[in-house]
Amino acid sequence: FKPTLLLTAMNNDNEPLPDESGHITSSTSDADQNTTNETKKTSQSWSWSSSSSPTSTSINKNNDGERPTPPLEKANLFSRWFFQWTFPLLQTGMSHPLVESDLPGLCNVDTSSYNKCIIEDIWKEQQQQSNRKENRRPRLHVGILKHFLKRTWFAQWMLALSMAARLGQAMALGFLLEQFADDDDDGGSGADGGKDSTRGYVWTGALVICGAVFLFSKQRQFFVTCRTGMQLRIGLVSTIYSKSTRLSSIGQISSSSSTVTNNGQTINLASNDVERFVSASIHAIYVIYGPIEAIAIYVLGLYVIGPAAISAGFALLLLFVPLQFYIGKRFAVLRSKVAAITDDRVSLVSQAVSGVRVMKMSGWETNFDERIAKIRSIEMGKILSASRYKAWIEAIHFSANVIVCIVTFSVHVIAGGTLSSRNVFTTMSLINILQATVAKHVSHAVMCL
């Protein structure tokens, strides 16, 4: 997440954060103060109220001049679980292309002002902790991680429930196939045919129930974690914008570090780096629950196909994990290098645009063009290398389960075991679940973090 740049952007000067009314106390020079006053006059002439809009689109609002109440706030429990509160907007989108007047208002927890206050409170808490402990800098990423875990406690329970449902679905599938195999062996006319038929219905019902539990719990977990990541992104972008209004237009070196804060870093930080919070919020939780699910799968594998076969397949699958961690780490390092190069390129382009008149008068167009093209070529080379690492991760993801299944079943047959429909399909289901968790979600979490 580039916490160093974010800390630099937030702590580049010693000015306090703006209060709720938006007033900012600054200790700038007379020239900067005059420029600030002109900017305030210009910003005051632009009304962001509901009575005037910069576009000609008439917004559908109530009598108080505000948007309608968000449907999520007044949705009941059934509507929240089944996402029925989205149906009116979907029906409107089916009738005609959506315009601004069709969109309802935001929930208070999704607004930029609310999430900006959350980020500021996290930063102030980290500052207080750093003051109590000597030789320790405030760690914004630690505070954000703690806040994320507190806000997504319900989603964590939903993730655990969805994992248990997937494992139960794999086991129910194996018992159901075993039931069909027993019926074929008995010729369909056994003495306990009624009992066997009842057992088949039981495993079929368990299969359906586990699938339904997984569907609703997984989607709820995804919604909560993705929304929390979006709220963090909104709060950070709002904080960066609030701080950028008090920074000098010329890049300057922070007193706490040697990092130069310029327009390119600020733009890239708000438009590119903060977006990682959304993807990280989806996969990061698997770093905790992935190993727990792996242990549960190993225990079930001991019961289904035996210790020798499951141990061989489990060990082979775990061999891919360090490889994926290494590739994911290399991808993260290259992404950091790409972000630094992008900062330089955006800063150079910003300088060229702001000083285009001087550049043309001095005939520096060719020099700037060559410098920008050189930086862009280096940036594209790093992006291409990062894409290669990402392709390797995807290749391992799609091929690991096939290789592991072949080794597992081969060891089982060599050890004197017999392959049946139950242990084959159940083992394949367990390996697919483990492969999706360890080889995909955990590796993506490493890349995002």
Protein backbone atom coordinates (compact mmCIF):
# COMPACT_ATOMS: atom_id res chain seq x y z
CA PHE A 1 0.00 0.00 0.00
CA LYS A 2 3.03 2.32 0.01
CA PRO A 3 2.47 3.46 3.64
CA THR A 4 5.63 5.60 3.52
CA LEU A 5 4.23 7.85 0.81
CA LEU A 6 0.88 8.08 2.57
CA LEU A 7 2.55 9.01 5.86
CA THR A 8 4.64 11.58 4.02
CA ALA A 9 1.57 13.07 2.35
CA MET A 10 -0.25 13.23 5.68
CA ASN A 11 2.70 14.48 7.74
CA ASN A 12 4.53 16.71 5.25
CA ASP A 13 3.78 19.80 7.29
CA ASN A 14 2.77 20.47 10.86
CA GLU A 15 -0.55 22.05 10.05
CA PRO A 16 -3.59 20.68 11.87
CA LEU A 17 -6.31 18.93 9.95
CA PRO A 18 -9.35 21.03 8.94
CA ASP A 19 -12.27 21.11 11.31
CA GLU A 20 -15.82 20.08 10.44
CA SER A 21 -16.62 23.46 8.88
CA GLY A 22 -13.70 23.13 6.49
CA HIS A 23 -11.57 26.00 7.92
CA ILE A 24 -7.83 25.49 7.76
CA THR A 25 -5.26 27.34 9.83
CA SER A 26 -2.06 27.82 7.93
CA SER A 27 1.28 29.49 8.53
CA THR A 28 2.20 30.37 4.97
CA SER A 29 3.84 33.40 3.48
CA ASP A 30 1.97 36.49 2.25
CA ALA A 31 2.16 35.37 -1.37
CA ASP A 32 0.88 31.93 -0.55
CA GLN A 33 -1.82 33.45 1.65
CA ASN A 34 -3.01 35.67 -1.20
CA THR A 35 -3.09 32.67 -3.50
CA THR A 36 -5.05 30.74 -0.89
CA ASN A 37 -7.55 33.57 -0.54
CA GLU A 38 -8.05 33.68 -4.30
CA THR A 39 -8.57 29.93 -4.32
CA LYS A 40 -11.12 30.20 -1.52
CA LYS A 41 -13.00 32.92 -3.39
CA THR A 42 -13.02 30.80 -6.52
CA SER A 43 -14.19 27.73 -4.62
CA GLN A 44 -16.91 29.72 -2.86
CA SER A 45 -18.25 30.89 -6.20
CA TRP A 46 -18.82 27.25 -7.16
CA SER A 47 -21.85 25.95 -5.33
CA TRP A 48 -21.99 22.28 -4.54
CA SER A 49 -25.42 22.56 -3.03
CA SER A 50 -28.36 20.59 -4.31
CA SER A 51 -30.02 23.66 -5.78
CA SER A 52 -27.35 24.11 -8.46
CA SER A 53 -25.56 21.38 -10.39
CA PRO A 54 -22.62 21.68 -12.79
CA THR A 55 -24.58 19.67 -15.33
CA SER A 56 -27.93 20.24 -16.90
CA THR A 57 -29.27 16.96 -15.55
CA SER A 58 -32.10 17.48 -13.11
CA ILE A 59 -31.58 15.29 -10.07
CA ASN A 60 -34.61 13.59 -8.59
CA LYS A 61 -34.60 14.80 -5.01
CA ASN A 62 -37.13 15.24 -2.27
CA ASN A 63 -38.63 18.45 -1.01
CA ASP A 64 -35.69 19.12 1.31
CA GLY A 65 -33.32 19.23 -1.65
CA GLU A 66 -31.67 15.92 -0.81
CA ARG A 67 -31.50 12.59 -2.55
CA PRO A 68 -33.92 9.84 -1.56
CA THR A 69 -33.06 7.61 1.36
CA PRO A 70 -30.63 4.83 0.39
CA PRO A 71 -32.57 1.57 -0.04
CA LEU A 72 -30.00 -0.32 2.03
CA GLU A 73 -30.80 1.73 5.14
CA LYS A 74 -34.52 0.88 5.11
CA ALA A 75 -34.10 -2.72 3.91
CA ASN A 76 -35.23 -5.51 6.20
CA LEU A 77 -33.25 -8.63 7.08
CA PHE A 78 -34.66 -10.67 4.19
CA SER A 79 -33.87 -7.91 1.71
CA ARG A 80 -30.33 -7.58 3.01
CA TRP A 81 -29.56 -11.29 2.83
CA PHE A 82 -31.07 -11.78 -0.61
CA PHE A 83 -29.96 -8.36 -1.95
CA GLN A 84 -33.56 -7.49 -2.78
CA TRP A 85 -32.84 -3.83 -2.07
CA THR A 86 -30.98 -3.64 -5.39
CA PHE A 87 -33.98 -4.76 -7.49
CA PRO A 88 -35.56 -1.29 -8.01
CA LEU A 89 -32.33 0.12 -9.39
CA LEU A 90 -31.83 -2.97 -11.58
CA GLN A 91 -35.38 -2.64 -12.93
CA THR A 92 -34.72 1.01 -13.71
CA GLY A 93 -31.55 0.04 -15.54
CA MET A 94 -33.47 -2.51 -17.60
CA SER A 95 -35.96 0.13 -18.71
CA HIS A 96 -33.43 2.78 -19.77
CA PRO A 97 -29.73 3.64 -19.31
CA LEU A 98 -29.06 4.90 -15.81
CA VAL A 99 -28.54 8.63 -15.31
CA GLU A 100 -27.61 10.59 -12.22
CA SER A 101 -31.23 11.26 -11.32
CA ASP A 102 -31.83 7.50 -10.95
CA LEU A 103 -29.20 7.07 -8.25
CA PRO A 104 -30.28 7.27 -4.58
CA GLY A 105 -28.27 8.88 -1.84
CA LEU A 106 -25.36 7.27 -0.04
CA CYS A 107 -25.45 5.67 3.35
CA ASN A 108 -23.70 7.72 6.00
CA VAL A 109 -20.99 5.07 6.44
CA ASP A 110 -20.18 5.27 2.71
CA THR A 111 -19.70 9.04 2.53
CA SER A 112 -16.28 10.61 2.17
CA SER A 113 -16.71 12.85 5.23
CA TYR A 114 -17.53 9.92 7.52
CA ASN A 115 -14.66 7.72 6.29
CA LYS A 116 -12.26 10.69 6.35
CA CYS A 117 -12.97 11.08 10.06
CA ILE A 118 -12.35 7.35 10.53
CA ILE A 119 -8.91 7.57 8.86
CA GLU A 120 -8.04 10.67 10.90
CA ASP A 121 -9.02 8.91 14.14
CA ILE A 122 -6.85 5.92 13.19
CA TRP A 123 -3.92 8.23 12.45
CA LYS A 124 -4.34 10.14 15.72
CA GLU A 125 -4.46 6.87 17.65
CA GLN A 126 -1.23 5.72 16.02
CA GLN A 127 0.39 9.06 16.85
CA GLN A 128 -0.60 8.68 20.50
CA GLN A 129 0.83 5.17 20.61
CA SER A 130 4.07 6.36 19.03
CA ASN A 131 4.35 9.13 21.62
CA ARG A 132 4.02 6.58 24.41
CA LYS A 133 6.71 4.38 22.86
CA GLU A 134 10.04 5.97 22.02
CA ASN A 135 11.82 5.35 18.70
CA ARG A 136 8.64 4.20 17.01
CA ARG A 137 6.99 5.90 14.06
CA PRO A 138 3.21 5.91 13.63
CA ARG A 139 2.13 2.91 11.56
CA LEU A 140 -0.98 3.72 9.62
CA HIS A 141 -1.18 0.28 7.98
CA VAL A 142 -1.35 -1.41 11.39
CA GLY A 143 -4.22 0.83 12.45
CA ILE A 144 -6.07 0.20 9.19
CA LEU A 145 -5.61 -3.57 9.59
CA LYS A 146 -7.03 -3.50 13.13
CA HIS A 147 -9.95 -1.38 11.95
CA PHE A 148 -10.61 -3.78 9.08
CA LEU A 149 -10.66 -6.83 11.36
CA LYS A 150 -13.07 -5.11 13.76
CA ARG A 151 -15.43 -4.01 11.00
CA THR A 152 -15.48 -7.42 9.28
CA TRP A 153 -15.99 -9.70 12.28
CA PHE A 154 -19.37 -10.80 10.90
CA ALA A 155 -17.84 -11.47 7.48
CA GLN A 156 -15.19 -13.64 9.13
CA TRP A 157 -17.89 -15.81 10.68
CA MET A 158 -19.60 -15.99 7.30
CA LEU A 159 -16.32 -17.08 5.70
CA ALA A 160 -15.87 -19.83 8.30
CA LEU A 161 -19.45 -20.96 7.70
CA SER A 162 -18.95 -21.02 3.93
CA MET A 163 -15.76 -23.07 4.33
CA ALA A 164 -17.57 -25.58 6.55
CA ALA A 165 -20.42 -25.79 4.02
CA ARG A 166 -18.01 -26.51 1.17
CA LEU A 167 -16.34 -29.30 3.13
CA GLY A 168 -19.74 -30.73 4.08
CA GLN A 169 -20.81 -30.59 0.45
CA ALA A 170 -17.76 -32.58 -0.62
CA MET A 171 -18.39 -35.24 2.02
CA ALA A 172 -22.12 -35.46 1.19
CA LEU A 173 -21.27 -35.92 -2.48
CA GLY A 174 -19.02 -38.86 -1.64
CA PHE A 175 -21.63 -40.58 0.52
CA LEU A 176 -24.30 -40.04 -2.14
CA LEU A 177 -22.12 -41.65 -4.82
CA GLU A 178 -21.37 -44.50 -2.44
CA GLN A 179 -25.10 -44.99 -2.02
CA PHE A 180 -25.56 -45.28 -5.78
CA ALA A 181 -22.71 -47.77 -5.98
CA ASP A 182 -24.25 -49.93 -3.21
CA ASP A 183 -27.59 -49.94 -5.02
CA ASP A 184 -25.89 -51.13 -8.22
CA ASP A 185 -24.12 -53.91 -6.34
CA ASP A 186 -27.39 -55.09 -4.76
CA GLY A 187 -29.21 -54.96 -8.05
CA GLY A 188 -31.63 -52.43 -6.67
CA SER A 189 -33.58 -55.06 -4.71
CA GLY A 190 -31.91 -55.39 -1.32
CA ALA A 191 -33.66 -56.28 1.91
CA ASP A 192 -33.01 -52.82 3.27
CA GLY A 193 -33.84 -50.99 0.07
CA GLY A 194 -36.18 -48.60 1.86
CA LYS A 195 -33.48 -47.69 4.37
CA ASP A 196 -30.90 -47.20 1.62
CA SER A 197 -33.34 -45.04 -0.30
CA THR A 198 -33.93 -42.89 2.75
CA ARG A 199 -30.18 -42.51 3.28
CA GLY A 200 -29.79 -41.38 -0.31
CA TYR A 201 -32.42 -38.69 0.17
CA VAL A 202 -30.67 -37.56 3.34
CA TRP A 203 -27.33 -37.11 1.58
CA THR A 204 -29.05 -35.37 -1.34
CA GLY A 205 -30.71 -32.96 1.07
CA ALA A 206 -27.40 -32.37 2.86
CA LEU A 207 -25.77 -31.64 -0.50
CA VAL A 208 -28.43 -29.07 -1.39
CA ILE A 209 -28.45 -27.45 2.06
CA CYS A 210 -24.66 -27.11 2.14
CA GLY A 211 -24.74 -25.55 -1.33
CA ALA A 212 -27.37 -23.03 -0.24
CA VAL A 213 -25.47 -22.16 2.95
CA PHE A 214 -22.27 -21.68 0.98
CA LEU A 215 -24.02 -19.50 -1.59
CA PHE A 216 -25.58 -17.04 0.84
CA SER A 217 -22.74 -16.93 3.38
CA LYS A 218 -20.07 -16.48 0.70
CA GLN A 219 -21.92 -13.68 -1.06
CA ARG A 220 -22.60 -11.92 2.23
CA GLN A 221 -18.95 -12.22 3.23
CA PHE A 222 -17.83 -10.88 -0.14
CA PHE A 223 -20.22 -7.91 0.09
CA VAL A 224 -19.13 -6.92 3.60
CA THR A 225 -15.39 -7.20 2.95
CA CYS A 226 -15.55 -5.47 -0.43
CA ARG A 227 -17.66 -2.65 1.01
CA THR A 228 -15.26 -2.19 3.90
CA GLY A 229 -12.33 -2.00 1.47
CA MET A 230 -14.21 0.56 -0.60
CA GLN A 231 -14.88 2.63 2.53
CA LEU A 232 -11.17 2.59 3.38
CA ARG A 233 -10.34 3.66 -0.16
CA ILE A 234 -12.85 6.53 0.01
CA GLY A 235 -11.53 7.68 3.38
CA LEU A 236 -7.90 7.63 2.23
CA VAL A 237 -8.64 9.48 -1.00
CA SER A 238 -10.61 12.09 0.94
CA THR A 239 -7.76 12.46 3.43
CA ILE A 240 -5.19 12.80 0.65
CA TYR A 241 -7.31 15.44 -1.05
CA SER A 242 -7.81 17.33 2.21
CA LYS A 243 -4.07 17.31 2.85
CA SER A 244 -3.18 18.22 -0.74
CA THR A 245 -5.12 21.48 -0.43
CA ARG A 246 -2.56 22.59 2.16
CA LEU A 247 0.58 21.43 0.37
CA SER A 248 2.79 23.68 -1.67
CA SER A 249 2.40 23.49 -5.44
CA ILE A 250 6.16 22.82 -5.65
CA GLY A 251 7.44 19.44 -4.43
CA GLN A 252 9.28 19.66 -1.15
CA ILE A 253 11.20 17.22 1.04
CA SER A 254 9.47 16.09 4.20
CA SER A 255 11.21 16.85 7.46
CA SER A 256 10.61 13.30 8.71
CA SER A 257 11.99 11.49 5.65
CA SER A 258 13.92 12.05 2.45
CA THR A 259 10.84 11.46 0.28
CA VAL A 260 9.91 14.29 -2.04
CA THR A 261 6.19 15.02 -2.10
CA ASN A 262 5.11 16.31 -5.50
CA ASN A 263 2.03 16.40 -7.67
CA GLY A 264 2.90 13.14 -9.40
CA GLN A 265 3.08 11.22 -6.14
CA THR A 266 -0.18 12.70 -4.87
CA ILE A 267 -2.07 11.93 -8.09
CA ASN A 268 -0.69 8.41 -8.35
CA LEU A 269 -1.32 7.78 -4.66
CA ALA A 270 -4.99 8.74 -4.91
CA SER A 271 -5.73 7.18 -8.30
CA ASN A 272 -3.71 3.96 -8.30
CA ASP A 273 -2.23 2.85 -4.99
CA VAL A 274 -5.36 3.29 -2.87
CA GLU A 275 -7.31 1.02 -5.22
CA ARG A 276 -5.36 -1.91 -3.78
CA PHE A 277 -7.41 -1.68 -0.60
CA VAL A 278 -10.48 -3.04 -2.41
CA SER A 279 -8.72 -6.12 -3.80
CA ALA A 280 -6.75 -6.66 -0.59
CA SER A 281 -9.93 -6.59 1.50
CA ILE A 282 -11.29 -9.55 -0.48
CA HIS A 283 -8.25 -11.84 -0.24
CA ALA A 284 -6.37 -10.71 2.87
CA ILE A 285 -8.68 -12.53 5.26
CA TYR A 286 -7.63 -15.87 3.73
CA VAL A 287 -4.16 -15.45 5.24
CA ILE A 288 -5.79 -16.30 8.59
CA TYR A 289 -8.49 -18.77 7.57
CA GLY A 290 -6.60 -20.50 4.75
CA PRO A 291 -4.31 -22.58 7.03
CA ILE A 292 -7.29 -23.52 9.21
CA GLU A 293 -9.17 -24.86 6.21
CA ALA A 294 -6.06 -26.72 5.03
CA ILE A 295 -5.80 -28.56 8.37
CA ALA A 296 -9.49 -29.51 8.22
CA ILE A 297 -9.08 -30.84 4.67
CA TYR A 298 -6.08 -32.93 5.70
CA VAL A 299 -8.04 -34.50 8.56
CA LEU A 300 -10.95 -35.36 6.24
CA GLY A 301 -8.51 -36.74 3.67
CA LEU A 302 -7.11 -39.15 6.27
CA TYR A 303 -10.60 -40.56 6.69
CA VAL A 304 -11.53 -40.67 2.99
CA ILE A 305 -8.44 -42.03 1.19
CA GLY A 306 -5.91 -42.89 3.87
CA PRO A 307 -2.79 -41.26 5.33
CA ALA A 308 -0.29 -42.25 2.63
CA ALA A 309 -2.18 -40.90 -0.37
CA ILE A 310 -3.44 -37.69 1.22
CA SER A 311 -0.04 -36.96 2.73
CA ALA A 312 1.65 -37.31 -0.67
CA GLY A 313 -0.87 -35.08 -2.41
CA PHE A 314 -0.92 -32.60 0.45
CA ALA A 315 2.88 -32.34 0.48
CA LEU A 316 2.98 -31.82 -3.28
CA LEU A 317 0.36 -29.09 -3.11
CA LEU A 318 2.20 -27.40 -0.28
CA LEU A 319 5.35 -27.39 -2.41
CA PHE A 320 3.58 -25.01 -4.74
CA VAL A 321 2.87 -22.61 -1.88
CA PRO A 322 6.48 -21.36 -1.37
CA LEU A 323 6.79 -21.01 -5.13
CA GLN A 324 3.64 -18.94 -5.29
CA PHE A 325 4.73 -16.90 -2.28
CA TYR A 326 8.02 -16.17 -4.02
CA ILE A 327 6.30 -15.22 -7.28
CA GLY A 328 3.76 -13.12 -5.40
CA LYS A 329 6.54 -11.36 -3.49
CA ARG A 330 8.40 -10.62 -6.72
CA PHE A 331 5.19 -9.30 -8.20
CA ALA A 332 4.71 -7.00 -5.20
CA VAL A 333 8.30 -5.72 -5.47
CA LEU A 334 7.89 -5.00 -9.18
CA ARG A 335 4.59 -3.27 -8.52
CA SER A 336 6.32 -0.99 -5.99
CA LYS A 337 8.99 -0.18 -8.57
CA VAL A 338 6.31 0.51 -11.18
CA ALA A 339 4.55 2.84 -8.75
CA ALA A 340 7.78 4.79 -8.15
CA ILE A 341 8.43 5.09 -11.88
CA THR A 342 4.84 6.14 -12.45
CA ASP A 343 5.29 8.87 -9.84
CA ASP A 344 8.26 10.26 -11.79
CA ARG A 345 6.43 10.06 -15.11
CA VAL A 346 3.29 11.76 -13.82
CA SER A 347 5.39 14.44 -12.13
CA LEU A 348 7.32 15.08 -15.36
CA VAL A 349 4.13 15.29 -17.41
CA SER A 350 2.63 17.64 -14.83
CA GLN A 351 5.70 19.89 -15.08
CA ALA A 352 5.47 19.87 -18.87
CA VAL A 353 1.79 20.81 -18.83
CA SER A 354 2.16 23.54 -16.21
CA GLY A 355 5.22 25.02 -17.94
CA VAL A 356 4.18 24.42 -21.53
CA ARG A 357 4.56 28.11 -22.45
CA VAL A 358 8.16 28.27 -21.21
CA MET A 359 8.89 24.90 -22.77
CA LYS A 360 7.73 26.04 -26.20
CA MET A 361 9.53 29.38 -25.97
CA SER A 362 12.78 27.59 -25.10
CA GLY A 363 12.33 24.79 -27.64
CA TRP A 364 12.41 21.99 -25.07
CA GLU A 365 9.61 19.92 -26.61
CA THR A 366 11.98 17.27 -27.97
CA ASN A 367 13.89 16.96 -24.70
CA PHE A 368 10.72 16.53 -22.67
CA ASP A 369 9.36 14.08 -25.20
CA GLU A 370 12.50 11.94 -25.01
CA ARG A 371 12.55 12.00 -21.21
CA ILE A 372 8.89 11.04 -20.94
CA ALA A 373 9.29 8.28 -23.55
CA LYS A 374 12.35 6.91 -21.73
CA ILE A 375 10.56 6.77 -18.39
CA ARG A 376 7.51 5.22 -20.06
CA SER A 377 9.62 2.50 -21.69
CA ILE A 378 11.17 1.60 -18.32
CA GLU A 379 7.72 1.57 -16.77
CA MET A 380 6.34 -0.72 -19.49
CA GLY A 381 9.28 -3.10 -19.02
CA LYS A 382 8.53 -3.42 -15.30
CA ILE A 383 4.81 -3.89 -16.01
CA LEU A 384 5.59 -6.63 -18.53
CA SER A 385 7.80 -8.42 -16.00
CA ALA A 386 5.07 -8.18 -13.36
CA SER A 387 2.55 -9.56 -15.85
CA ARG A 388 4.80 -12.56 -16.46
CA TYR A 389 4.87 -13.32 -12.73
CA LYS A 390 1.09 -13.01 -12.59
CA ALA A 391 0.77 -15.40 -15.56
CA TRP A 392 2.92 -17.96 -13.71
CA ILE A 393 0.63 -17.72 -10.69
CA GLU A 394 -2.44 -18.33 -12.85
CA ALA A 395 -0.73 -21.25 -14.62
CA ILE A 396 0.09 -22.90 -11.29
CA HIS A 397 -3.45 -22.30 -10.11
CA PHE A 398 -5.05 -24.13 -13.06
CA SER A 399 -2.56 -27.03 -13.22
CA ALA A 400 -1.82 -27.77 -9.56
CA ASN A 401 -5.04 -29.67 -8.82
CA VAL A 402 -4.57 -32.05 -11.79
CA ILE A 403 -1.00 -32.88 -10.81
CA VAL A 404 -1.91 -33.35 -7.15
CA CYS A 405 -4.85 -35.65 -7.98
CA ILE A 406 -2.66 -37.84 -10.21
CA VAL A 407 -0.01 -38.22 -7.49
CA THR A 408 -2.61 -38.84 -4.77
CA PHE A 409 -4.45 -41.60 -6.63
CA SER A 410 -1.20 -43.18 -7.84
CA VAL A 411 0.16 -43.44 -4.30
CA HIS A 412 -3.19 -44.86 -3.12
CA VAL A 413 -3.13 -47.63 -5.76
CA ILE A 414 0.57 -48.43 -5.17
CA ALA A 415 -0.12 -48.72 -1.43
CA GLY A 416 -2.72 -51.41 -2.18
CA GLY A 417 -5.84 -49.29 -1.99
CA THR A 418 -8.87 -49.49 -4.24
CA LEU A 419 -10.35 -46.53 -6.08
CA SER A 420 -14.07 -46.06 -5.69
CA SER A 421 -16.50 -43.39 -6.77
CA ARG A 422 -16.69 -42.09 -3.24
CA ASN A 423 -13.00 -41.62 -2.47
CA VAL A 424 -12.20 -40.36 -6.00
CA PHE A 425 -14.85 -37.63 -6.18
CA THR A 426 -14.56 -36.66 -2.52
CA THR A 427 -10.76 -36.41 -2.72
CA MET A 428 -10.96 -34.39 -5.92
CA SER A 429 -13.45 -32.01 -4.29
CA LEU A 430 -11.25 -31.57 -1.23
CA ILE A 431 -8.15 -30.95 -3.35
CA ASN A 432 -10.02 -28.41 -5.48
CA ILE A 433 -11.15 -26.57 -2.35
CA LEU A 434 -7.63 -26.58 -0.90
CA GLN A 435 -6.12 -25.51 -4.21
CA ALA A 436 -8.58 -22.61 -4.57
CA THR A 437 -7.81 -21.39 -1.06
CA VAL A 438 -4.05 -21.89 -0.89
CA ALA A 439 -3.03 -21.45 -4.51
CA LYS A 440 -5.37 -18.57 -5.38
CA HIS A 441 -6.67 -16.56 -2.44
CA VAL A 442 -3.55 -16.77 -0.28
CA SER A 443 -1.24 -15.92 -3.20
CA HIS A 444 -3.46 -13.00 -4.21
CA ALA A 445 -3.39 -11.81 -0.61
CA VAL A 446 0.41 -11.82 -0.69
CA MET A 447 0.41 -9.83 -3.94
CA CYS A 448 -2.05 -7.29 -2.57
CA LEU A 449 -0.33 -6.91 0.81
